[in-house]
């Protein structure tokens, strides 16, 4: 029988420790070696989860980019539903490498917090061109391409507490030359949150959305529901919205503490903020490059779901209207409601500053505050009592 000298086995259980195990007289140490390997593997796993979030690459779970015939939706939903469950509430990062992820099945995030979804970058309108070798445009970017029914939103977020970065979301292939998106009720990104305060902020630092009737919507969980669903504390960083009829539609009773750091709206967009119900929104910097566009629209005549008056509070400290934009408007009030808007708009030298820029109606019985100034030719014009007056005095 073969004799073995004592050997040193390291058993790491949270911290390093050394144990000397005398195996003299033991014919076979394979069981001990296997146990040692098992302990080391478990410690490595525990240390990994202790110090860093785990990253899940969707390609390792069957997703197939760049295949128009493959529906990635069911796999993406399964990954979102199961990630992080093994570690309880541990934050987990889901990574989408660059490419075009076609999905006819809508993507629905689970009703829990702590998910982080990361892609390779944004650039609506150019992902296909950049992906196939154009050195000037770079790539590949990460794009979710929705090919399903317009009756369902491409992506739905039913709660807050989500980190979403570097994703392009578009409807179908990007047309070249560009064509307008159809007015068919389609929605790119939809929030359907619970009533009451959310558990934490929804943070979307870099995203681009294009080709939908409405790019981003906050809606009730059910079209016939009277439950006061809130979507609070939604924060966008750089947001690029191109080729959508409506940029934001806020129709879920109350959207509070929505902030956008930098918003770029271009191509076709007719309404930037459509405030059907209560909305508290601050957009720190906006660039508008669309014709026949309205910055803010409040109220919706005949809306049977609203239990109270519209209470929209909108703050736009820096709005730049592109010099080529035509027939634009700052505000349109569509029904009696309580609202307040504060905006500073920088217009081009060729733009006409007249009463058409602000459209209000009789608001007897409701409160209304409109504090808007337009800078043109180096001079501010303030909106006062239904007309524009140069800052510092009347005309």
Protein backbone atom coordinates (compact mmCIF):
# COMPACT_ATOMS: atom_id res chain seq x y z
CA UNK A 1 0.00 0.00 0.00
CA UNK A 2 1.38 3.37 -0.97
CA UNK A 3 2.13 5.67 1.94
CA UNK A 4 1.72 9.45 1.68
CA UNK A 5 3.39 12.17 3.71
CA UNK A 6 1.23 14.81 5.36
CA UNK A 7 -0.04 17.41 2.90
CA UNK A 8 -1.32 20.96 3.36
CA UNK A 9 -4.90 21.68 2.34
CA UNK A 10 -6.19 25.24 2.21
CA UNK A 11 -9.82 25.55 3.23
CA UNK A 12 -10.92 29.09 2.63
CA UNK A 13 -14.26 29.92 4.16
CA UNK A 14 -14.69 33.68 4.00
CA UNK A 15 -11.06 34.27 5.12
CA UNK A 16 -7.85 32.43 4.42
CA UNK A 17 -6.85 29.77 6.92
CA UNK A 18 -4.54 26.80 6.70
CA UNK A 19 -5.10 23.36 8.15
CA UNK A 20 -2.54 20.55 8.17
CA UNK A 21 -4.22 17.23 7.62
CA UNK A 22 -2.24 14.10 8.37
CA UNK A 23 -3.15 11.53 5.76
CA UNK A 24 -0.49 9.01 6.69
CA UNK A 25 -1.86 5.60 6.13
CA UNK A 26 -4.52 6.77 3.73
CA UNK A 27 -4.35 4.88 0.46
CA UNK A 28 -6.22 7.39 -1.65
CA UNK A 29 -6.48 11.16 -1.12
CA UNK A 30 -8.69 11.82 -4.15
CA UNK A 31 -11.70 12.46 -1.90
CA UNK A 32 -9.76 15.06 0.08
CA UNK A 33 -8.48 16.75 -3.08
CA UNK A 34 -12.02 16.88 -4.48
CA UNK A 35 -13.24 18.43 -1.23
CA UNK A 36 -10.45 21.00 -1.41
CA UNK A 37 -11.41 21.94 -4.97
CA UNK A 38 -15.06 22.25 -3.97
CA UNK A 39 -14.21 24.61 -1.09
CA UNK A 40 -12.00 26.78 -3.28
CA UNK A 41 -14.71 27.03 -5.95
CA UNK A 42 -17.34 28.01 -3.38
CA UNK A 43 -15.08 30.64 -1.83
CA UNK A 44 -14.29 32.09 -5.26
CA UNK A 45 -18.02 32.36 -5.99
CA UNK A 46 -18.76 33.98 -2.63
CA UNK A 47 -15.91 36.47 -2.92
CA UNK A 48 -17.05 37.41 -6.43
CA UNK A 49 -20.59 38.17 -5.27
CA UNK A 50 -19.29 39.97 -2.18
CA UNK A 51 -17.15 42.52 -4.01
CA UNK A 52 -18.62 43.01 -7.49
CA UNK A 53 -21.99 42.71 -9.22
CA UNK A 54 -22.25 39.66 -11.39
CA UNK A 55 -22.51 40.19 -15.15
CA UNK A 56 -24.68 38.08 -17.39
CA UNK A 57 -23.87 38.09 -21.10
CA UNK A 58 -27.09 37.43 -22.98
CA UNK A 59 -25.17 35.64 -25.75
CA UNK A 60 -24.32 32.91 -23.23
CA UNK A 61 -28.04 32.26 -22.79
CA UNK A 62 -29.04 31.91 -26.42
CA UNK A 63 -29.74 35.43 -27.68
CA UNK A 64 -28.88 35.84 -31.35
CA UNK A 65 -28.08 39.35 -32.64
CA UNK A 66 -28.25 40.32 -36.32
CA UNK A 67 -30.82 37.67 -37.25
CA UNK A 68 -34.12 39.28 -38.38
CA UNK A 69 -35.87 35.91 -38.29
CA UNK A 70 -35.00 35.14 -34.65
CA UNK A 71 -37.27 36.43 -31.86
CA UNK A 72 -35.03 37.34 -28.91
CA UNK A 73 -38.00 38.50 -26.81
CA UNK A 74 -38.78 35.26 -24.90
CA UNK A 75 -35.11 34.73 -24.01
CA UNK A 76 -34.65 38.33 -22.86
CA UNK A 77 -37.77 38.10 -20.69
CA UNK A 78 -36.54 34.85 -19.15
CA UNK A 79 -33.13 36.36 -18.38
CA UNK A 80 -34.71 39.44 -16.80
CA UNK A 81 -37.09 37.32 -14.73
CA UNK A 82 -34.40 35.02 -13.33
CA UNK A 83 -31.31 37.18 -12.92
CA UNK A 84 -30.39 37.97 -9.36
CA UNK A 85 -32.73 35.45 -7.76
CA UNK A 86 -29.88 33.16 -6.69
CA UNK A 87 -28.28 35.96 -4.68
CA UNK A 88 -31.53 37.28 -3.28
CA UNK A 89 -31.56 41.06 -3.59
CA UNK A 90 -28.00 41.29 -4.92
CA UNK A 91 -27.69 43.69 -7.85
CA UNK A 92 -27.04 41.94 -11.13
CA UNK A 93 -25.83 43.41 -14.43
CA UNK A 94 -27.15 42.10 -17.74
CA UNK A 95 -24.93 42.86 -20.70
CA UNK A 96 -26.04 43.09 -24.35
CA UNK A 97 -23.00 43.08 -26.66
CA UNK A 98 -23.24 45.24 -29.77
CA UNK A 99 -25.64 44.10 -32.45
CA UNK A 100 -29.26 44.16 -33.58
CA UNK A 101 -31.58 42.17 -31.30
CA UNK A 102 -34.82 41.61 -33.19
CA UNK A 103 -37.87 40.79 -31.07
CA UNK A 104 -41.50 40.39 -32.04
CA UNK A 105 -42.33 39.46 -28.45
CA UNK A 106 -42.55 42.58 -26.25
CA UNK A 107 -39.91 42.89 -23.52
CA UNK A 108 -41.43 43.14 -20.02
CA UNK A 109 -39.25 43.84 -17.00
CA UNK A 110 -40.14 41.99 -13.77
CA UNK A 111 -41.88 43.77 -10.90
CA UNK A 112 -38.82 43.98 -8.68
CA UNK A 113 -35.87 46.30 -8.28
CA UNK A 114 -32.13 45.88 -8.52
CA UNK A 115 -31.60 45.09 -12.21
CA UNK A 116 -28.92 46.76 -14.30
CA UNK A 117 -29.06 46.45 -18.10
CA UNK A 118 -26.13 47.69 -20.16
CA UNK A 119 -25.49 47.88 -23.90
CA UNK A 120 -22.71 49.17 -26.13
CA UNK A 121 -24.03 52.67 -26.85
CA UNK A 122 -26.67 54.67 -28.70
CA UNK A 123 -27.29 56.31 -32.08
CA UNK A 124 -30.76 55.90 -33.54
CA UNK A 125 -30.69 56.07 -37.32
CA UNK A 126 -27.17 54.82 -37.78
CA UNK A 127 -26.74 51.44 -36.03
CA UNK A 128 -26.99 49.36 -39.18
CA UNK A 129 -24.62 51.58 -41.12
CA UNK A 130 -22.06 51.72 -38.33
CA UNK A 131 -22.24 47.99 -37.68
CA UNK A 132 -21.21 47.10 -41.20
CA UNK A 133 -17.89 48.82 -41.29
CA UNK A 134 -18.36 52.55 -41.71
CA UNK A 135 -15.30 53.88 -39.88
CA UNK A 136 -16.76 57.37 -39.49
CA UNK A 137 -19.78 56.17 -37.55
CA UNK A 138 -18.14 53.44 -35.47
CA UNK A 139 -19.96 50.59 -33.75
CA UNK A 140 -21.37 48.15 -33.16
CA UNK A 141 -24.09 49.71 -31.03
CA UNK A 142 -26.67 47.73 -29.11
CA UNK A 143 -30.14 47.98 -30.65
CA UNK A 144 -33.42 46.32 -29.71
CA UNK A 145 -35.53 46.21 -32.89
CA UNK A 146 -39.21 45.64 -32.23
CA UNK A 147 -41.15 43.92 -35.02
CA UNK A 148 -44.32 43.03 -33.10
CA UNK A 149 -47.83 44.44 -32.90
CA UNK A 150 -48.32 48.20 -32.37
CA UNK A 151 -51.02 47.33 -29.82
CA UNK A 152 -48.32 46.34 -27.31
CA UNK A 153 -45.40 48.45 -26.14
CA UNK A 154 -41.98 47.29 -27.28
CA UNK A 155 -40.61 47.51 -23.71
CA UNK A 156 -42.62 47.76 -20.48
CA UNK A 157 -41.23 48.71 -17.07
CA UNK A 158 -43.79 47.90 -14.33
CA UNK A 159 -41.76 49.31 -11.43
CA UNK A 160 -38.81 51.53 -10.61
CA UNK A 161 -35.37 50.64 -9.30
CA UNK A 162 -33.86 49.94 -12.72
CA UNK A 163 -30.58 50.99 -14.32
CA UNK A 164 -30.73 50.97 -18.14
CA UNK A 165 -27.82 52.31 -20.20
CA UNK A 166 -26.54 52.27 -23.76
CA UNK A 167 -29.58 50.80 -25.54
CA UNK A 168 -31.14 51.87 -28.84
CA UNK A 169 -34.82 51.01 -29.15
CA UNK A 170 -36.39 51.23 -32.57
CA UNK A 171 -39.36 49.92 -34.46
CA UNK A 172 -38.35 47.81 -37.43
CA UNK A 173 -35.43 48.53 -39.72
CA UNK A 174 -34.44 52.17 -39.92
CA UNK A 175 -35.75 53.36 -43.31
CA UNK A 176 -33.40 55.03 -45.74
CA UNK A 177 -34.35 57.50 -46.93
CA UNK A 178 -36.24 58.29 -43.73
CA UNK A 179 -40.03 58.02 -43.62
CA UNK A 180 -42.41 59.21 -40.88
CA UNK A 181 -43.51 56.77 -38.21
CA UNK A 182 -47.19 55.75 -38.53
CA UNK A 183 -49.76 57.17 -36.10
CA UNK A 184 -50.93 53.74 -34.98
CA UNK A 185 -50.69 53.92 -31.19
CA UNK A 186 -47.35 52.12 -30.96
CA UNK A 187 -45.19 52.81 -27.88
CA UNK A 188 -41.47 52.31 -27.46
CA UNK A 189 -40.87 52.46 -23.69
CA UNK A 190 -43.87 52.25 -21.33
CA UNK A 191 -43.96 52.76 -17.56
CA UNK A 192 -46.85 51.16 -15.66
CA UNK A 193 -45.96 51.66 -12.03
CA UNK A 194 -47.67 50.82 -8.77
CA UNK A 195 -49.76 53.22 -6.73
CA UNK A 196 -47.78 54.94 -4.01
CA UNK A 197 -44.10 55.77 -3.68
CA UNK A 198 -41.63 53.55 -5.56
CA UNK A 199 -38.75 51.85 -3.81
CA UNK A 200 -35.99 53.67 -5.68
CA UNK A 201 -35.21 55.73 -8.77
CA UNK A 202 -35.32 54.45 -12.33
CA UNK A 203 -32.07 55.67 -13.90
CA UNK A 204 -31.58 55.72 -17.70
CA UNK A 205 -28.37 57.67 -18.43
CA UNK A 206 -28.03 56.96 -22.19
CA UNK A 207 -30.82 55.83 -24.50
CA UNK A 208 -32.19 56.45 -27.99
CA UNK A 209 -35.70 55.67 -29.26
CA UNK A 210 -37.06 55.97 -32.79
CA UNK A 211 -39.83 54.93 -35.15
CA UNK A 212 -42.80 54.81 -32.73
CA UNK A 213 -46.04 56.74 -32.52
CA UNK A 214 -45.07 57.55 -28.90
CA UNK A 215 -41.49 57.12 -27.76
CA UNK A 216 -42.05 57.09 -23.96
CA UNK A 217 -45.38 56.69 -22.18
CA UNK A 218 -46.46 56.51 -18.55
CA UNK A 219 -49.82 54.78 -18.54
CA UNK A 220 -52.27 53.05 -16.25
CA UNK A 221 -51.88 49.33 -15.82
CA UNK A 222 -55.18 48.81 -17.61
CA UNK A 223 -56.87 51.19 -20.04
CA UNK A 224 -60.13 50.93 -18.08
CA UNK A 225 -58.52 51.12 -14.63
CA UNK A 226 -59.25 53.94 -12.20
CA UNK A 227 -56.38 52.96 -9.89
CA UNK A 228 -54.04 55.89 -9.31
CA UNK A 229 -50.84 54.41 -10.68
CA UNK A 230 -47.76 56.57 -10.10
CA UNK A 231 -44.46 56.58 -11.96
CA UNK A 232 -42.16 58.63 -9.76
CA UNK A 233 -38.44 59.39 -9.71
CA UNK A 234 -37.58 58.58 -13.32
CA UNK A 235 -34.27 60.09 -14.35
CA UNK A 236 -32.89 60.31 -17.90
CA UNK A 237 -29.39 61.46 -18.77
CA UNK A 238 -28.81 61.93 -22.51
CA UNK A 239 -31.97 60.98 -24.37
CA UNK A 240 -32.18 60.95 -28.17
CA UNK A 241 -35.72 60.72 -29.62
CA UNK A 242 -36.01 60.68 -33.40
CA UNK A 243 -38.81 59.93 -35.83
CA UNK A 244 -41.60 59.63 -33.22
CA UNK A 245 -44.92 61.50 -33.36
CA UNK A 246 -44.95 62.11 -29.58
CA UNK A 247 -41.85 62.13 -27.40
CA UNK A 248 -43.50 61.78 -23.95
CA UNK A 249 -47.13 60.93 -23.15
CA UNK A 250 -47.86 61.12 -19.41
CA UNK A 251 -51.30 59.59 -18.82
CA UNK A 252 -51.09 57.54 -15.65
CA UNK A 253 -52.67 59.89 -13.08
CA UNK A 254 -49.34 61.10 -11.69
CA UNK A 255 -45.75 61.24 -12.97
CA UNK A 256 -43.72 63.02 -10.29
CA UNK A 257 -40.04 63.96 -10.24
CA UNK A 258 -39.25 63.12 -13.83
CA UNK A 259 -35.96 64.73 -14.85
CA UNK A 260 -34.14 64.80 -18.18
CA UNK A 261 -30.63 66.19 -18.30
CA UNK A 262 -30.22 66.48 -22.09
CA UNK A 263 -33.04 65.84 -24.55
CA UNK A 264 -32.59 65.87 -28.31
CA UNK A 265 -35.79 65.66 -30.37
CA UNK A 266 -35.62 65.46 -34.16
CA UNK A 267 -37.54 64.38 -37.28
CA UNK A 268 -41.32 64.42 -37.41
CA UNK A 269 -42.08 64.87 -33.67
CA UNK A 270 -45.32 66.82 -33.23
CA UNK A 271 -45.52 66.96 -29.41
CA UNK A 272 -42.60 66.75 -26.98
CA UNK A 273 -44.47 66.56 -23.64
CA UNK A 274 -48.12 65.46 -23.84
CA UNK A 275 -49.39 65.87 -20.26
CA UNK A 276 -52.75 64.10 -20.25
CA UNK A 277 -52.82 63.87 -16.45
CA UNK A 278 -50.70 65.11 -13.54
CA UNK A 279 -47.03 65.49 -14.43
CA UNK A 280 -44.09 67.07 -12.61
CA UNK A 281 -41.26 67.26 -15.15
CA UNK A 282 -37.98 69.14 -15.37
CA UNK A 283 -35.92 69.05 -18.56
CA UNK A 284 -32.64 70.87 -17.99
CA UNK A 285 -31.56 71.16 -21.64
CA UNK A 286 -33.57 70.40 -24.76
CA UNK A 287 -32.75 70.73 -28.45
CA UNK A 288 -35.79 70.70 -30.75
CA UNK A 289 -35.20 70.00 -34.43
CA UNK A 290 -38.70 69.30 -35.77
CA UNK A 291 -41.26 71.20 -37.79
CA UNK A 292 -44.83 71.78 -36.53
CA UNK A 293 -43.83 70.78 -33.02
CA UNK A 294 -45.40 71.73 -29.67
CA UNK A 295 -43.12 71.72 -26.63
CA UNK A 296 -45.86 71.11 -24.03
CA UNK A 297 -49.51 70.12 -24.38
CA UNK A 298 -51.72 69.93 -21.27
CA UNK A 299 -55.08 68.27 -20.81
CA UNK A 300 -57.09 65.88 -22.96
CA UNK A 301 -60.75 66.74 -23.62
CA UNK A 302 -63.17 63.91 -22.96
CA UNK A 303 -60.76 61.78 -20.92
CA UNK A 304 -63.13 59.65 -18.77
CA UNK A 305 -60.42 58.24 -16.51
CA UNK A 306 -59.13 61.39 -14.87
CA UNK A 307 -60.67 61.60 -11.37
CA UNK A 308 -59.38 65.13 -10.74
CA UNK A 309 -58.11 68.07 -12.74
CA UNK A 310 -54.79 67.97 -14.53
CA UNK A 311 -51.99 69.27 -12.31
CA UNK A 312 -49.01 69.68 -14.61
CA UNK A 313 -45.88 71.46 -13.37
CA UNK A 314 -43.29 71.80 -16.12
CA UNK A 315 -39.85 73.38 -15.87
CA UNK A 316 -37.71 73.88 -19.00
CA UNK A 317 -34.79 76.20 -18.13
CA UNK A 318 -33.02 75.91 -21.51
CA UNK A 319 -34.79 75.01 -24.75
CA UNK A 320 -33.00 75.55 -28.06
CA UNK A 321 -35.16 75.64 -31.17
CA UNK A 322 -33.12 74.72 -34.22
CA UNK A 323 -32.91 77.62 -36.70
CA UNK A 324 -34.40 75.40 -39.42
CA UNK A 325 -37.48 74.39 -37.38
CA UNK A 326 -40.76 75.82 -38.69
CA UNK A 327 -44.25 76.30 -37.20
CA UNK A 328 -43.28 75.48 -33.63
CA UNK A 329 -45.25 76.24 -30.46
CA UNK A 330 -44.32 76.42 -26.78
CA UNK A 331 -47.64 75.60 -25.13
CA UNK A 332 -51.09 74.30 -26.06
CA UNK A 333 -53.86 74.09 -23.46
CA UNK A 334 -56.66 71.76 -24.55
CA UNK A 335 -59.06 71.89 -21.59
CA UNK A 336 -59.65 73.65 -18.27
CA UNK A 337 -57.05 72.44 -15.81
CA UNK A 338 -54.54 73.54 -13.18
CA UNK A 339 -51.01 73.78 -14.48
CA UNK A 340 -47.83 75.81 -14.37
CA UNK A 341 -45.06 76.09 -16.94
CA UNK A 342 -41.74 77.87 -16.71
CA UNK A 343 -39.53 77.94 -19.80
CA UNK A 344 -36.63 79.81 -21.35
CA UNK A 345 -36.53 79.34 -25.12
CA UNK A 346 -33.67 80.29 -27.42
CA UNK A 347 -35.05 80.95 -30.91
CA UNK A 348 -33.34 81.44 -34.25
CA UNK A 349 -33.02 84.91 -35.78
CA UNK A 350 -35.52 84.07 -38.54
CA UNK A 351 -38.22 82.75 -36.22
CA UNK A 352 -41.37 84.83 -35.75
CA UNK A 353 -42.18 85.55 -32.11
CA UNK A 354 -45.96 86.03 -31.99
CA UNK A 355 -49.04 85.04 -30.00
CA UNK A 356 -49.29 81.72 -31.87
CA UNK A 357 -46.45 80.33 -29.75
CA UNK A 358 -48.71 80.03 -26.71
CA UNK A 359 -52.30 78.80 -27.01
CA UNK A 360 -54.51 78.93 -23.91
CA UNK A 361 -58.24 78.78 -23.29
CA UNK A 362 -60.60 80.22 -20.68
CA UNK A 363 -59.52 78.68 -17.39
CA UNK A 364 -62.17 79.95 -14.96
CA UNK A 365 -62.13 77.95 -11.74
CA UNK A 366 -58.60 76.60 -12.18
CA UNK A 367 -55.12 77.90 -11.49
CA UNK A 368 -52.71 78.65 -14.33
CA UNK A 369 -49.19 80.08 -14.33
CA UNK A 370 -47.28 80.71 -17.57
CA UNK A 371 -43.79 82.11 -17.15
CA UNK A 372 -42.10 81.93 -20.51
CA UNK A 373 -39.35 84.00 -22.04
CA UNK A 374 -37.90 83.80 -25.54
CA UNK A 375 -34.41 85.01 -26.39
CA UNK A 376 -33.94 86.31 -29.94
CA UNK A 377 -31.49 88.85 -31.37
CA UNK A 378 -29.88 89.09 -27.96
CA UNK A 379 -33.12 90.26 -26.30
CA UNK A 380 -35.53 88.45 -24.01
CA UNK A 381 -39.27 88.67 -24.65
CA UNK A 382 -41.58 87.83 -21.75
CA UNK A 383 -45.09 86.44 -22.07
CA UNK A 384 -47.40 88.72 -20.10
CA UNK A 385 -51.18 88.89 -20.21
CA UNK A 386 -51.45 87.10 -23.52
CA UNK A 387 -48.77 89.02 -25.40
CA UNK A 388 -45.00 89.34 -25.71
CA UNK A 389 -43.23 92.31 -24.16
CA UNK A 390 -39.49 93.04 -24.20
CA UNK A 391 -37.85 92.23 -20.87
CA UNK A 392 -37.66 95.36 -18.74
CA UNK A 393 -40.71 97.14 -20.15
CA UNK A 394 -43.69 97.14 -22.45
CA UNK A 395 -43.47 97.53 -26.22
